[in-house]
Amino acid sequence: MRWIFTRSGQRVTASNATLRSLAERFDNTIAYGRAMIGFASVWTQVEAETTSERAQRGKDRACAPGTSGTAPALRLDTETEIVAALSDGAQVHALAQLYGVAPATIKSIRARGS
């Protein structure tokens, strides 16, 4: 992404064109405007690399020894408690928060009727 942004800025400058933004006030014909394009280019690169690094750390954590890559299953007695609470009128979101699971998990337990 940085390469594309940098090359675009170079092409605008090389063709003696002027870059105007409706949202920001900068002028690429002066030093400050060119600096602004450079800063935007650098921050684009930083964001791309940061996103990539974060994604890789998440993958590494998910594949670490001792992890299955999925959320731990609820015990049968916990599912029985959830079914009982649902039949007593408990709300799905409240149970999800109480047991630390997603509302979809509570809904699937309700559908199975464990």
C-alpha atoms as a PDB file:
ATOM      1  CA  MET A   1       0.000   0.000   0.000  1.00  0.00           C
ATOM      2  CA  ARG A   2       2.811   2.401   0.844  1.00  0.00           C
ATOM      3  CA  TRP A   3       4.395   1.743  -2.543  1.00  0.00           C
ATOM      4  CA  ILE A   4       1.160   2.636  -4.334  1.00  0.00           C
ATOM      5  CA  PHE A   5       0.719   5.810  -2.298  1.00  0.00           C
ATOM      6  CA  THR A   6       4.352   6.860  -2.768  1.00  0.00           C
ATOM      7  CA  ARG A   7       4.301   6.150  -6.506  1.00  0.00           C
ATOM      8  CA  SER A   8       1.047   8.108  -6.866  1.00  0.00           C
ATOM      9  CA  GLY A   9       2.576  11.098  -5.069  1.00  0.00           C
ATOM     10  CA  GLN A  10       5.671  10.904  -7.266  1.00  0.00           C
ATOM     11  CA  ARG A  11       3.567  10.767 -10.424  1.00  0.00           C
ATOM     12  CA  VAL A  12       1.556  13.813  -9.378  1.00  0.00           C
ATOM     13  CA  THR A  13       4.764  15.742  -8.658  1.00  0.00           C
ATOM     14  CA  ALA A  14       6.549  14.583 -11.840  1.00  0.00           C
ATOM     15  CA  SER A  15       3.659  15.607 -14.065  1.00  0.00           C
ATOM     16  CA  ASN A  16       3.567  19.088 -12.515  1.00  0.00           C
ATOM     17  CA  ALA A  17      -0.007  18.439 -11.439  1.00  0.00           C
ATOM     18  CA  THR A  18      -1.565  19.767  -8.273  1.00  0.00           C
ATOM     19  CA  LEU A  19      -3.171  17.493  -5.716  1.00  0.00           C
ATOM     20  CA  ARG A  20      -6.135  18.981  -3.909  1.00  0.00           C
ATOM     21  CA  SER A  21      -8.122  17.498  -1.081  1.00  0.00           C
ATOM     22  CA  LEU A  22     -11.651  18.546  -0.245  1.00  0.00           C
ATOM     23  CA  ALA A  23     -11.253  17.343   3.334  1.00  0.00           C
ATOM     24  CA  GLU A  24      -7.714  18.477   4.245  1.00  0.00           C
ATOM     25  CA  ARG A  25      -5.874  21.654   3.437  1.00  0.00           C
ATOM     26  CA  PHE A  26      -2.526  20.855   1.876  1.00  0.00           C
ATOM     27  CA  ASP A  27      -0.794  21.840  -1.311  1.00  0.00           C
ATOM     28  CA  ASN A  28       1.701  19.458  -2.903  1.00  0.00           C
ATOM     29  CA  THR A  29       3.472  22.279  -4.722  1.00  0.00           C
ATOM     30  CA  ILE A  30       5.192  23.459  -1.539  1.00  0.00           C
ATOM     31  CA  ALA A  31       7.498  21.646   0.868  1.00  0.00           C
ATOM     32  CA  TYR A  32       4.848  21.227   3.575  1.00  0.00           C
ATOM     33  CA  GLY A  33       2.399  19.677   1.137  1.00  0.00           C
ATOM     34  CA  ARG A  34       4.982  17.205  -0.143  1.00  0.00           C
ATOM     35  CA  ALA A  35       5.890  16.416   3.461  1.00  0.00           C
ATOM     36  CA  MET A  36       2.224  15.743   4.183  1.00  0.00           C
ATOM     37  CA  ILE A  37       2.088  13.231   1.326  1.00  0.00           C
ATOM     38  CA  GLY A  38       5.257  11.616   2.678  1.00  0.00           C
ATOM     39  CA  PHE A  39       3.825  11.361   6.206  1.00  0.00           C
ATOM     40  CA  ALA A  40       0.628   9.801   4.884  1.00  0.00           C
ATOM     41  CA  SER A  41       2.720   7.300   2.952  1.00  0.00           C
ATOM     42  CA  VAL A  42       4.754   6.373   6.018  1.00  0.00           C
ATOM     43  CA  TRP A  43       1.673   5.952   8.214  1.00  0.00           C
ATOM     44  CA  THR A  44       0.053   3.777   5.560  1.00  0.00           C
ATOM     45  CA  GLN A  45       3.087   1.490   5.712  1.00  0.00           C
ATOM     46  CA  VAL A  46       3.098   1.453   9.535  1.00  0.00           C
ATOM     47  CA  GLU A  47      -0.569   0.502   9.645  1.00  0.00           C
ATOM     48  CA  ALA A  48      -0.120  -2.264   7.068  1.00  0.00           C
ATOM     49  CA  GLU A  49       2.813  -3.773   8.960  1.00  0.00           C
ATOM     50  CA  THR A  50       1.092  -3.454  12.337  1.00  0.00           C
ATOM     51  CA  THR A  51      -2.026  -5.203  11.040  1.00  0.00           C
ATOM     52  CA  SER A  52       0.082  -7.991   9.567  1.00  0.00           C
ATOM     53  CA  GLU A  53       2.054  -8.442  12.796  1.00  0.00           C
ATOM     54  CA  ARG A  54      -1.126  -8.525  14.891  1.00  0.00           C
ATOM     55  CA  ALA A  55      -2.665 -11.146  12.625  1.00  0.00           C
ATOM     56  CA  GLN A  56       0.469 -13.282  12.813  1.00  0.00           C
ATOM     57  CA  ARG A  57       0.548 -13.068  16.630  1.00  0.00           C
ATOM     58  CA  GLY A  58      -3.084 -14.198  16.728  1.00  0.00           C
ATOM     59  CA  LYS A  59      -2.312 -17.154  14.466  1.00  0.00           C
ATOM     60  CA  ASP A  60       0.713 -18.071  16.585  1.00  0.00           C
ATOM     61  CA  ARG A  61      -1.396 -17.938  19.753  1.00  0.00           C
ATOM     62  CA  ALA A  62      -4.129 -20.083  18.200  1.00  0.00           C
ATOM     63  CA  CYS A  63      -1.601 -22.701  17.063  1.00  0.00           C
ATOM     64  CA  ALA A  64       0.440 -22.705  20.276  1.00  0.00           C
ATOM     65  CA  PRO A  65       1.015 -26.060  21.990  1.00  0.00           C
ATOM     66  CA  GLY A  66      -1.843 -26.944  24.285  1.00  0.00           C
ATOM     67  CA  THR A  67      -4.509 -25.097  22.308  1.00  0.00           C
ATOM     68  CA  SER A  68      -7.034 -26.736  20.070  1.00  0.00           C
ATOM     69  CA  GLY A  69      -7.865 -23.611  18.115  1.00  0.00           C
ATOM     70  CA  THR A  70     -11.442 -23.664  19.362  1.00  0.00           C
ATOM     71  CA  ALA A  71     -13.155 -22.418  22.479  1.00  0.00           C
ATOM     72  CA  PRO A  72     -13.280 -24.935  25.336  1.00  0.00           C
ATOM     73  CA  ALA A  73     -16.491 -26.941  25.454  1.00  0.00           C
ATOM     74  CA  LEU A  74     -18.926 -26.420  28.303  1.00  0.00           C
ATOM     75  CA  ARG A  75     -19.355 -29.307  30.703  1.00  0.00           C
ATOM     76  CA  LEU A  76     -22.605 -31.254  30.533  1.00  0.00           C
ATOM     77  CA  ASP A  77     -23.712 -30.093  33.986  1.00  0.00           C
ATOM     78  CA  THR A  78     -23.162 -26.476  32.930  1.00  0.00           C
ATOM     79  CA  GLU A  79     -25.294 -27.013  29.837  1.00  0.00           C
ATOM     80  CA  THR A  80     -27.984 -28.584  32.054  1.00  0.00           C
ATOM     81  CA  GLU A  81     -27.889 -25.486  34.285  1.00  0.00           C
ATOM     82  CA  ILE A  82     -28.257 -23.262  31.225  1.00  0.00           C
ATOM     83  CA  VAL A  83     -31.250 -25.234  29.931  1.00  0.00           C
ATOM     84  CA  ALA A  84     -32.876 -25.005  33.370  1.00  0.00           C
ATOM     85  CA  ALA A  85     -32.235 -21.258  33.552  1.00  0.00           C
ATOM     86  CA  LEU A  86     -33.705 -20.768  30.080  1.00  0.00           C
ATOM     87  CA  SER A  87     -36.841 -22.692  31.041  1.00  0.00           C
ATOM     88  CA  ASP A  88     -37.129 -20.442  34.115  1.00  0.00           C
ATOM     89  CA  GLY A  89     -37.140 -17.418  31.793  1.00  0.00           C
ATOM     90  CA  ALA A  90     -33.515 -16.290  31.905  1.00  0.00           C
ATOM     91  CA  GLN A  91     -32.396 -14.101  29.020  1.00  0.00           C
ATOM     92  CA  VAL A  92     -29.914 -15.445  26.465  1.00  0.00           C
ATOM     93  CA  HIS A  93     -27.560 -12.451  26.711  1.00  0.00           C
ATOM     94  CA  ALA A  94     -27.549 -12.531  30.507  1.00  0.00           C
ATOM     95  CA  LEU A  95     -26.647 -16.234  30.527  1.00  0.00           C
ATOM     96  CA  ALA A  96     -23.969 -15.705  27.892  1.00  0.00           C
ATOM     97  CA  GLN A  97     -22.369 -13.018  30.032  1.00  0.00           C
ATOM     98  CA  LEU A  98     -22.697 -15.116  33.194  1.00  0.00           C
ATOM     99  CA  TYR A  99     -20.986 -18.167  31.659  1.00  0.00           C
ATOM    100  CA  GLY A 100     -18.517 -16.204  29.526  1.00  0.00           C
ATOM    101  CA  VAL A 101     -19.716 -17.538  26.180  1.00  0.00           C
ATOM    102  CA  ALA A 102     -21.255 -16.031  23.072  1.00  0.00           C
ATOM    103  CA  PRO A 103     -25.052 -15.669  22.878  1.00  0.00           C
ATOM    104  CA  ALA A 104     -24.926 -18.044  19.890  1.00  0.00           C
ATOM    105  CA  THR A 105     -23.624 -20.763  22.225  1.00  0.00           C
ATOM    106  CA  ILE A 106     -26.600 -20.313  24.553  1.00  0.00           C
ATOM    107  CA  LYS A 107     -28.967 -20.363  21.568  1.00  0.00           C
ATOM    108  CA  SER A 108     -27.466 -23.596  20.255  1.00  0.00           C
ATOM    109  CA  ILE A 109     -27.794 -25.205  23.712  1.00  0.00           C
ATOM    110  CA  ARG A 110     -31.420 -24.073  23.790  1.00  0.00           C
ATOM    111  CA  ALA A 111     -32.012 -25.561  20.331  1.00  0.00           C
ATOM    112  CA  ARG A 112     -30.445 -28.890  21.357  1.00  0.00           C
ATOM    113  CA  GLY A 113     -32.352 -28.899  24.633  1.00  0.00           C
ATOM    114  CA  SER A 114     -29.427 -30.653  26.378  1.00  0.00           C
END
